[in-house]
Protein backbone atom coordinates (compact mmCIF):
# COMPACT_ATOMS: atom_id res chain seq x y z
CA MET A 1 26.51 -2.36 -3.03
CA THR A 2 25.79 0.65 -5.23
CA GLN A 3 22.32 2.02 -5.83
CA GLU A 4 22.46 0.82 -9.43
CA LYS A 5 23.27 -2.72 -8.31
CA ILE A 6 20.52 -2.59 -5.68
CA ILE A 7 17.95 -1.58 -8.29
CA GLU A 8 19.12 -4.35 -10.62
CA THR A 9 18.93 -6.94 -7.83
CA LEU A 10 15.45 -5.83 -6.74
CA LEU A 11 14.06 -5.80 -10.27
CA ASP A 12 15.33 -9.34 -10.81
CA PHE A 13 13.74 -10.50 -7.55
CA ILE A 14 10.40 -8.80 -8.22
CA VAL A 15 9.94 -10.51 -11.58
CA ALA A 16 11.00 -13.90 -10.17
CA ASP A 17 8.47 -16.57 -9.28
CA ASP A 18 8.32 -16.76 -5.49
CA GLU A 19 7.31 -20.43 -5.55
CA ARG A 20 10.39 -21.78 -7.31
CA ALA A 21 14.03 -22.03 -6.31
CA ILE A 22 15.81 -18.83 -7.36
CA VAL A 23 19.34 -20.17 -7.75
CA GLY A 24 19.95 -23.88 -7.30
CA SER A 25 18.66 -24.84 -3.85
CA THR A 26 18.36 -21.22 -2.67
CA THR A 27 14.73 -20.41 -1.88
CA SER A 28 12.87 -17.14 -2.25
CA ASN A 29 12.83 -16.69 1.54
CA GLU A 30 16.59 -17.04 1.68
CA VAL A 31 17.05 -14.56 -1.13
CA PHE A 32 14.62 -12.19 0.61
CA ASN A 33 16.75 -12.32 3.74
CA GLU A 34 19.98 -11.75 1.82
CA ILE A 35 18.55 -8.71 0.03
CA ALA A 36 17.01 -7.32 3.23
CA LEU A 37 20.38 -7.49 4.99
CA GLU A 38 22.12 -5.85 2.05
CA LEU A 39 19.57 -3.04 2.10
CA TYR A 40 20.02 -2.70 5.86
CA ARG A 41 23.76 -2.19 5.35
CA TYR A 42 23.03 0.39 2.65
CA GLN A 43 20.48 2.28 4.76
CA PHE A 44 22.67 2.09 7.86
CA SER A 45 25.47 3.76 5.88
CA PHE A 46 23.49 6.55 4.22
CA ASN A 47 20.34 7.19 6.29
CA ASP A 48 21.62 9.17 9.30
CA PRO A 49 18.50 9.17 11.56
CA PHE A 50 18.02 5.46 10.98
CA ARG A 51 21.68 4.73 11.75
CA HIS A 52 21.52 6.68 15.03
CA PHE A 53 18.37 4.86 16.09
CA SER A 54 19.69 1.47 15.07
CA SER A 55 23.01 1.99 16.85
CA GLN A 56 21.33 3.11 20.07
CA ARG A 57 19.37 -0.13 20.07
CA GLY A 58 22.59 -2.11 19.67
CA ARG A 59 21.78 -3.07 16.09
CA THR A 60 24.46 -2.79 13.41
CA PRO A 61 25.21 -4.64 10.17
CA ARG A 62 27.58 -6.79 12.21
CA THR A 63 24.91 -7.93 14.68
CA VAL A 64 21.76 -8.07 12.53
CA LYS A 65 21.55 -11.52 10.94
CA SER A 66 17.91 -11.69 9.84
CA TRP A 67 15.34 -9.37 8.32
CA GLN A 68 13.25 -9.81 11.50
CA ASP A 69 16.07 -8.17 13.49
CA ILE A 70 16.11 -4.95 11.45
CA PRO A 71 14.81 -2.15 13.73
CA LEU A 72 11.26 -1.05 12.98
CA VAL A 73 10.82 2.64 12.18
CA PRO A 74 7.48 4.02 13.48
CA ILE A 75 5.41 5.39 10.65
CA ASN A 76 4.92 8.78 12.31
CA ALA A 77 8.69 9.35 12.19
CA PHE A 78 8.23 10.13 8.49
CA LYS A 79 6.50 13.36 9.56
CA LYS A 80 9.37 14.44 11.82
CA LEU A 81 12.59 13.40 10.11
CA CYS A 82 14.11 13.05 6.66
CA LEU A 83 14.49 9.31 6.17
CA SER A 84 16.37 9.04 2.90
CA CYS A 85 19.63 7.54 1.71
CA CYS A 86 20.05 10.28 -0.87
CA ARG A 87 19.95 14.00 -0.13
CA PRO A 88 16.36 15.28 -0.40
CA ASP A 89 17.45 17.88 -2.95
CA ASP A 90 18.85 15.08 -5.10
CA ALA A 91 15.67 12.99 -5.00
CA PRO A 92 13.69 13.58 -8.21
CA TYR A 93 10.51 12.07 -6.77
CA LEU A 94 8.67 12.91 -3.57
CA PHE A 95 5.44 11.37 -2.31
CA THR A 96 3.70 12.97 0.65
CA THR A 97 0.90 11.84 2.91
CA SER A 98 -2.31 13.83 3.24
CA GLY A 99 -1.21 15.28 6.60
CA THR A 100 -3.28 15.47 9.76
CA THR A 101 -6.23 17.63 10.67
CA GLU A 102 -4.47 18.68 13.86
CA THR A 103 -1.15 19.87 12.44
CA GLY A 104 -1.22 19.47 8.69
CA VAL A 105 2.24 17.84 8.93
CA LYS A 106 2.86 15.49 6.03
CA GLY A 107 4.92 12.35 5.97
CA LYS A 108 7.48 12.32 3.16
CA SER A 109 8.97 9.51 1.10
CA TYR A 110 11.91 10.52 -1.09
CA HIS A 111 12.66 8.34 -4.12
CA SER A 112 15.93 8.45 -6.00
CA SER A 113 14.33 6.30 -8.72
CA LEU A 114 10.86 4.96 -9.42
CA ASP A 115 12.01 1.92 -11.38
CA VAL A 116 11.54 -0.44 -8.44
CA TYR A 117 8.35 1.25 -7.19
CA ASP A 118 6.79 0.95 -10.64
CA ALA A 119 7.83 -2.68 -11.07
CA SER A 120 6.43 -3.49 -7.63
CA MET A 121 3.10 -1.85 -8.42
CA THR A 122 2.64 -3.40 -11.86
CA ARG A 123 3.57 -6.94 -10.79
CA GLY A 124 1.31 -6.78 -7.73
CA PHE A 125 -1.60 -5.15 -9.57
CA LYS A 126 -1.43 -7.71 -12.36
CA GLU A 127 -1.31 -10.65 -9.97
CA PHE A 128 -3.94 -9.57 -7.48
CA PHE A 129 -6.36 -7.32 -9.38
CA ILE A 130 -6.12 -7.84 -13.15
CA ALA A 131 -5.43 -11.57 -12.67
CA ASP A 132 -6.80 -13.44 -15.71
CA ARG A 133 -6.96 -10.38 -18.01
CA ASP A 134 -4.35 -8.46 -19.95
CA SER A 135 -6.34 -5.22 -19.90
CA ILE A 136 -9.71 -3.78 -18.95
CA GLU A 137 -11.50 -0.47 -19.43
CA MET A 138 -11.05 1.62 -16.28
CA SER A 139 -12.86 4.57 -14.74
CA VAL A 140 -10.78 6.17 -12.00
CA LEU A 141 -12.44 8.00 -9.11
CA TYR A 142 -9.31 9.96 -8.21
CA PRO A 143 -7.48 13.03 -9.55
CA SER A 144 -4.75 12.50 -12.11
CA GLU A 145 -1.03 12.64 -11.44
CA GLU A 146 -0.91 16.07 -13.07
CA VAL A 147 -3.39 17.37 -10.50
CA MET A 148 -1.68 15.65 -7.54
CA PRO A 149 2.01 15.22 -8.48
CA ASN A 150 3.12 14.26 -4.95
CA SER A 151 0.43 11.63 -4.39
CA SER A 152 1.65 8.04 -4.45
CA LEU A 153 -1.95 6.93 -5.11
CA ALA A 154 -2.26 9.24 -8.12
CA HIS A 155 0.96 7.74 -9.47
CA TYR A 156 -0.40 4.27 -8.73
CA PHE A 157 -3.53 4.90 -10.78
CA SER A 158 -1.51 6.38 -13.64
CA LEU A 159 0.48 3.14 -13.78
CA ALA A 160 -2.73 1.10 -13.70
CA ILE A 161 -4.16 2.93 -16.72
CA LYS A 162 -0.87 2.99 -18.60
CA ASN A 163 -0.10 -0.70 -18.19
CA PHE A 164 -3.51 -2.37 -17.95
CA GLY A 165 -6.18 0.08 -19.11
CA THR A 166 -7.76 -0.01 -22.55
CA PRO A 167 -7.50 3.18 -24.67
CA GLN A 168 -11.01 4.11 -23.46
CA SER A 169 -9.89 4.24 -19.81
CA ALA A 170 -10.27 7.64 -18.16
CA TYR A 171 -10.30 9.65 -14.95
CA VAL A 172 -13.76 10.74 -13.84
CA MET A 173 -12.72 13.02 -11.00
CA ASN A 174 -11.21 16.49 -11.10
CA HIS A 175 -10.81 19.55 -8.85
CA GLU A 176 -14.58 19.89 -8.66
CA GLY A 177 -15.24 16.28 -7.70
CA ILE A 178 -16.73 13.33 -9.57
CA ASP A 179 -17.98 13.96 -13.10
CA PHE A 180 -21.19 11.99 -12.60
CA GLU A 181 -22.49 12.51 -16.14
CA ALA A 182 -19.31 11.19 -17.74
CA LEU A 183 -19.11 8.23 -15.37
CA PHE A 184 -22.73 7.18 -15.77
CA GLU A 185 -22.40 7.40 -19.55
CA ARG A 186 -19.34 5.17 -19.43
CA LEU A 187 -21.05 2.61 -17.21
CA ASN A 188 -24.12 2.57 -19.46
CA GLU A 189 -21.91 1.92 -22.48
CA ALA A 190 -20.23 -0.95 -20.66
CA GLU A 191 -23.65 -2.51 -20.02
CA VAL A 192 -24.76 -2.09 -23.63
CA ASN A 193 -21.49 -3.33 -25.14
CA LYS A 194 -21.22 -6.15 -22.60
CA GLU A 195 -17.58 -5.25 -22.00
CA PRO A 196 -16.14 -5.78 -18.51
CA HIS A 197 -15.38 -2.55 -16.66
CA ALA A 198 -13.19 -1.70 -13.68
CA LEU A 199 -14.10 1.14 -11.33
CA LEU A 200 -11.19 2.24 -9.16
CA GLY A 201 -10.98 4.84 -6.43
CA ALA A 202 -10.35 5.75 -2.83
CA SER A 203 -12.91 4.17 -0.52
CA TYR A 204 -14.39 7.53 0.46
CA SER A 205 -14.92 8.41 -3.24
CA TYR A 206 -17.69 5.83 -3.42
CA ILE A 207 -19.78 7.54 -0.73
CA PRO A 208 -20.84 10.63 -2.73
CA LEU A 209 -21.18 8.41 -5.80
CA LEU A 210 -23.62 6.10 -4.02
CA GLU A 211 -25.55 9.12 -2.69
CA GLU A 212 -25.88 10.53 -6.20
CA MET A 213 -27.06 7.20 -7.57
CA ARG A 214 -29.69 6.92 -4.83
CA ALA A 215 -30.87 10.45 -5.55
CA ARG A 216 -31.27 9.60 -9.23
CA GLU A 217 -32.68 6.15 -8.42
CA ILE A 218 -30.26 4.42 -10.76
CA SER A 219 -28.06 1.34 -10.54
CA PHE A 220 -26.00 -0.71 -12.96
CA SER A 221 -25.47 -4.34 -13.84
CA LEU A 222 -21.93 -4.40 -15.15
CA PRO A 223 -20.92 -7.34 -17.37
CA ALA A 224 -19.28 -10.47 -16.01
CA GLY A 225 -15.59 -9.92 -15.42
CA SER A 226 -16.14 -6.40 -14.11
CA ARG A 227 -14.51 -5.49 -10.82
CA LEU A 228 -14.46 -2.75 -8.20
CA PHE A 229 -11.36 -1.43 -6.46
CA ASP A 230 -11.16 0.65 -3.31
CA THR A 231 -8.35 1.72 -1.03
CA GLY A 232 -7.75 3.82 2.06
CA GLY A 233 -10.78 2.95 4.13
CA PHE A 234 -12.56 5.69 6.03
CA LYS A 235 -10.15 6.31 8.92
CA THR A 236 -11.77 8.78 11.34
CA LYS A 237 -14.90 9.67 9.35
CA SER A 238 -17.77 9.58 11.85
CA ASN A 239 -20.43 8.72 9.27
CA ALA A 240 -18.47 5.86 7.72
CA PRO A 241 -20.42 2.67 6.95
CA THR A 242 -19.33 -0.69 8.30
CA LEU A 243 -17.18 -2.67 5.88
CA ASP A 244 -19.94 -5.21 5.41
CA ASP A 245 -22.50 -2.51 4.58
CA PHE A 246 -20.03 -0.74 2.27
CA TYR A 247 -19.34 -3.80 0.13
CA THR A 248 -22.99 -4.79 0.08
CA ASP A 249 -23.87 -1.29 -1.15
CA ILE A 250 -21.30 -1.06 -3.93
CA SER A 251 -21.95 -4.65 -5.02
CA ARG A 252 -25.66 -3.92 -5.44
CA ALA A 253 -25.13 -0.48 -7.00
CA PHE A 254 -22.90 -1.77 -9.81
CA GLY A 255 -24.01 -5.39 -10.12
CA VAL A 256 -20.55 -6.71 -9.25
CA PRO A 257 -20.30 -9.70 -6.87
CA ARG A 258 -18.51 -9.09 -3.60
CA ASP A 259 -15.74 -11.52 -4.52
CA MET A 260 -14.84 -9.03 -7.26
CA CYS A 261 -14.83 -6.05 -4.90
CA ILE A 262 -11.09 -5.84 -4.19
CA ASN A 263 -9.54 -3.69 -1.47
CA MET A 264 -5.94 -2.53 -1.73
CA TYR A 265 -4.02 -1.71 1.45
CA GLY A 266 -1.07 0.57 0.89
CA MET A 267 0.61 3.68 2.23
CA THR A 268 2.98 6.44 1.19
CA GLU A 269 5.59 5.04 3.56
CA LEU A 270 5.81 1.82 1.52
CA SER A 271 6.51 1.00 -2.12
CA THR A 272 4.46 -2.20 -2.21
CA GLN A 273 0.74 -2.81 -1.82
CA PHE A 274 -1.43 -5.57 -0.34
CA TYR A 275 -4.67 -6.95 -1.79
CA ASP A 276 -7.45 -9.34 -0.86
CA GLN A 277 -9.45 -11.86 -2.88
CA GLY A 278 -12.69 -9.97 -2.59
CA ASN A 279 -14.86 -9.04 0.34
CA VAL A 280 -17.45 -11.77 0.69
CA VAL A 281 -16.42 -11.84 4.35
CA CYS A 282 -15.15 -8.81 6.28
CA PRO A 283 -12.50 -8.18 7.35
CA SER A 284 -10.84 -9.91 4.43
CA VAL A 285 -7.42 -11.55 4.47
CA LYS A 286 -4.74 -9.38 2.87
CA PHE A 287 -1.89 -10.80 0.81
CA GLY A 288 1.38 -9.31 -0.36
CA PRO A 289 3.86 -10.33 -3.06
CA HIS A 290 7.07 -12.16 -2.23
CA TRP A 291 9.21 -9.01 -1.82
CA ILE A 292 7.30 -7.79 1.26
CA LYS A 293 6.76 -9.61 4.55
CA THR A 294 4.41 -8.71 7.40
CA ARG A 295 4.40 -9.52 11.10
CA VAL A 296 1.91 -8.70 13.83
CA VAL A 297 3.88 -7.37 16.80
CA ASN A 298 3.60 -5.89 20.25
CA PRO A 299 4.42 -2.21 19.55
CA VAL A 300 6.31 -1.76 22.83
CA THR A 301 8.55 -4.80 22.71
CA GLY A 302 8.58 -5.50 18.99
CA ARG A 303 7.87 -9.15 19.79
CA GLU A 304 6.03 -11.04 17.07
CA LEU A 305 2.65 -12.29 18.19
CA PRO A 306 1.14 -15.69 17.35
CA GLN A 307 -1.62 -16.17 14.81
CA GLY A 308 -5.00 -14.99 16.01
CA GLU A 309 -3.64 -12.51 18.54
CA ARG A 310 -4.32 -8.81 17.95
CA GLY A 311 -1.33 -6.50 17.60
CA VAL A 312 0.16 -3.87 15.29
CA LEU A 313 1.23 -4.56 11.71
CA ALA A 314 4.94 -4.31 10.87
CA HIS A 315 6.10 -4.56 7.27
CA CYS A 316 9.47 -5.25 5.66
CA ASP A 317 9.28 -3.92 2.09
CA LEU A 318 12.36 -4.52 -0.04
CA ALA A 319 11.05 -2.15 -2.72
CA HIS A 320 11.38 0.80 -0.33
CA PHE A 321 15.14 0.74 -0.70
CA ASN A 322 16.01 4.47 -0.59
CA ILE A 323 14.21 5.06 2.70
CA VAL A 324 13.81 2.23 5.22
CA THR A 325 12.55 -1.26 4.55
CA SER A 326 11.06 -2.03 7.96
CA ILE A 327 8.26 0.07 9.45
CA LEU A 328 5.91 -0.15 12.41
CA THR A 329 2.46 1.01 11.36
CA GLU A 330 -0.38 2.27 13.52
CA ASP A 331 -2.73 -0.32 12.02
CA ALA A 332 -4.09 -3.14 14.15
CA GLY A 333 -4.19 -6.61 12.68
CA ILE A 334 -4.28 -10.35 13.22
CA ALA A 335 -1.95 -12.79 11.50
CA THR A 336 -3.54 -15.67 9.59
CA ALA A 337 -2.03 -18.78 8.02
CA ASP A 338 -1.57 -17.08 4.66
CA GLY A 339 -1.73 -13.32 5.32
CA PHE A 340 -3.28 -10.94 7.81
CA LYS A 341 -6.56 -9.25 8.64
CA LEU A 342 -6.55 -5.46 8.88
CA LEU A 343 -8.63 -4.32 11.87
CA GLY A 344 -8.32 -0.54 11.53
CA ARG A 345 -6.33 1.95 13.56
CA ALA A 346 -4.61 0.81 16.72
CA ASP A 347 -6.30 1.88 19.92
CA GLY A 348 -5.93 1.40 23.66
CA ASN A 349 -2.63 -0.14 24.72
CA ASP A 350 -1.56 -0.67 21.12
CA ALA A 351 -1.99 3.04 20.33
CA ARG A 352 0.00 4.00 23.44
CA GLY A 353 2.68 1.55 22.42
CA CYS A 354 2.92 3.13 18.96
CA SER A 355 3.29 6.58 20.54
CA MET A 356 6.06 5.29 22.79
CA ALA A 357 7.82 3.78 19.80
CA VAL A 358 7.72 7.12 17.96
CA GLU A 359 9.11 8.98 20.97
CA GLU A 360 11.89 6.43 21.37
CA PHE A 361 12.82 6.66 17.71
CA LEU A 362 12.89 10.47 17.65
CA ASN A 363 14.99 10.69 20.81
CA ALA A 364 17.52 8.22 19.45
CA ALA A 365 17.60 9.50 15.87
CA GLN A 366 18.23 13.12 16.84
CA THR A 367 21.15 12.47 19.21
């Protein structure tokens, strides 16, 4: 299958309703599996490190019969190897991770096209965040795409404003940080005009904002229909609040109920995002659209674990077609009946298992 045909197939699947039969008696799950196997054949042919790794594990397009059998690529491999079906120099779009404090090495995701990425984002954002609205005024606590051209999150927010923001929507963060005066003026206007408002940003962006509001002794009571969006969590920040305290604080500060405080879970190494239905209870259950599937696995064996048992999250994202669809994260989680709970970074045996998986992948991919 050519790249053009792959893009056409994925766009058709993304806009389809995952609850209905797609063609005759063929279900969405069956179509998902067919597309995943087609993408595996494509990536096996054109992604050299992935092909080497897959072959060394005895997995080839001839032997892999299900999306669950596609080898999982450890997320840290993105920092070591070029995982792309097109030549990096031919990829017009590159998203990079923030790097690490120890080495500064960034993970890289090369995109030959953003048509599928953009369709994935807009369909998911509409379904899980915008929901019953066509548009809403947004204030974004993150730099623009012009400031951070290689940030997948900056691109994500640009799509949010472009597709779902009112003309009054704006960024309220720049090189110097949050423009508190502009933001507070916008929130005051929302209160006066009784127009719902959406505040979106990285989780850590809310911390200095809350500190400034406490210093000024101000809070807001945003109109009904307003919502708060955060993503990224706090990772290794030592002074990070608990999730329960964080959502209590932002709910009180902006007068938005916790069931309208939505967390998005995403990463540069994927092209699809997960959402929850608010954070009344933490940790919340995360959901993904029908073109991504998640398992909780043992990182050493790759064996899927039963519901309620802690393991490491593994995702199969059809939208990530130019790179690899199936990745092993370093995020701990628990499977639920209708999604999964994100428990933070893997530690203990799970963390050691992730490290072993990375070493195994690198040794196989470089031979």
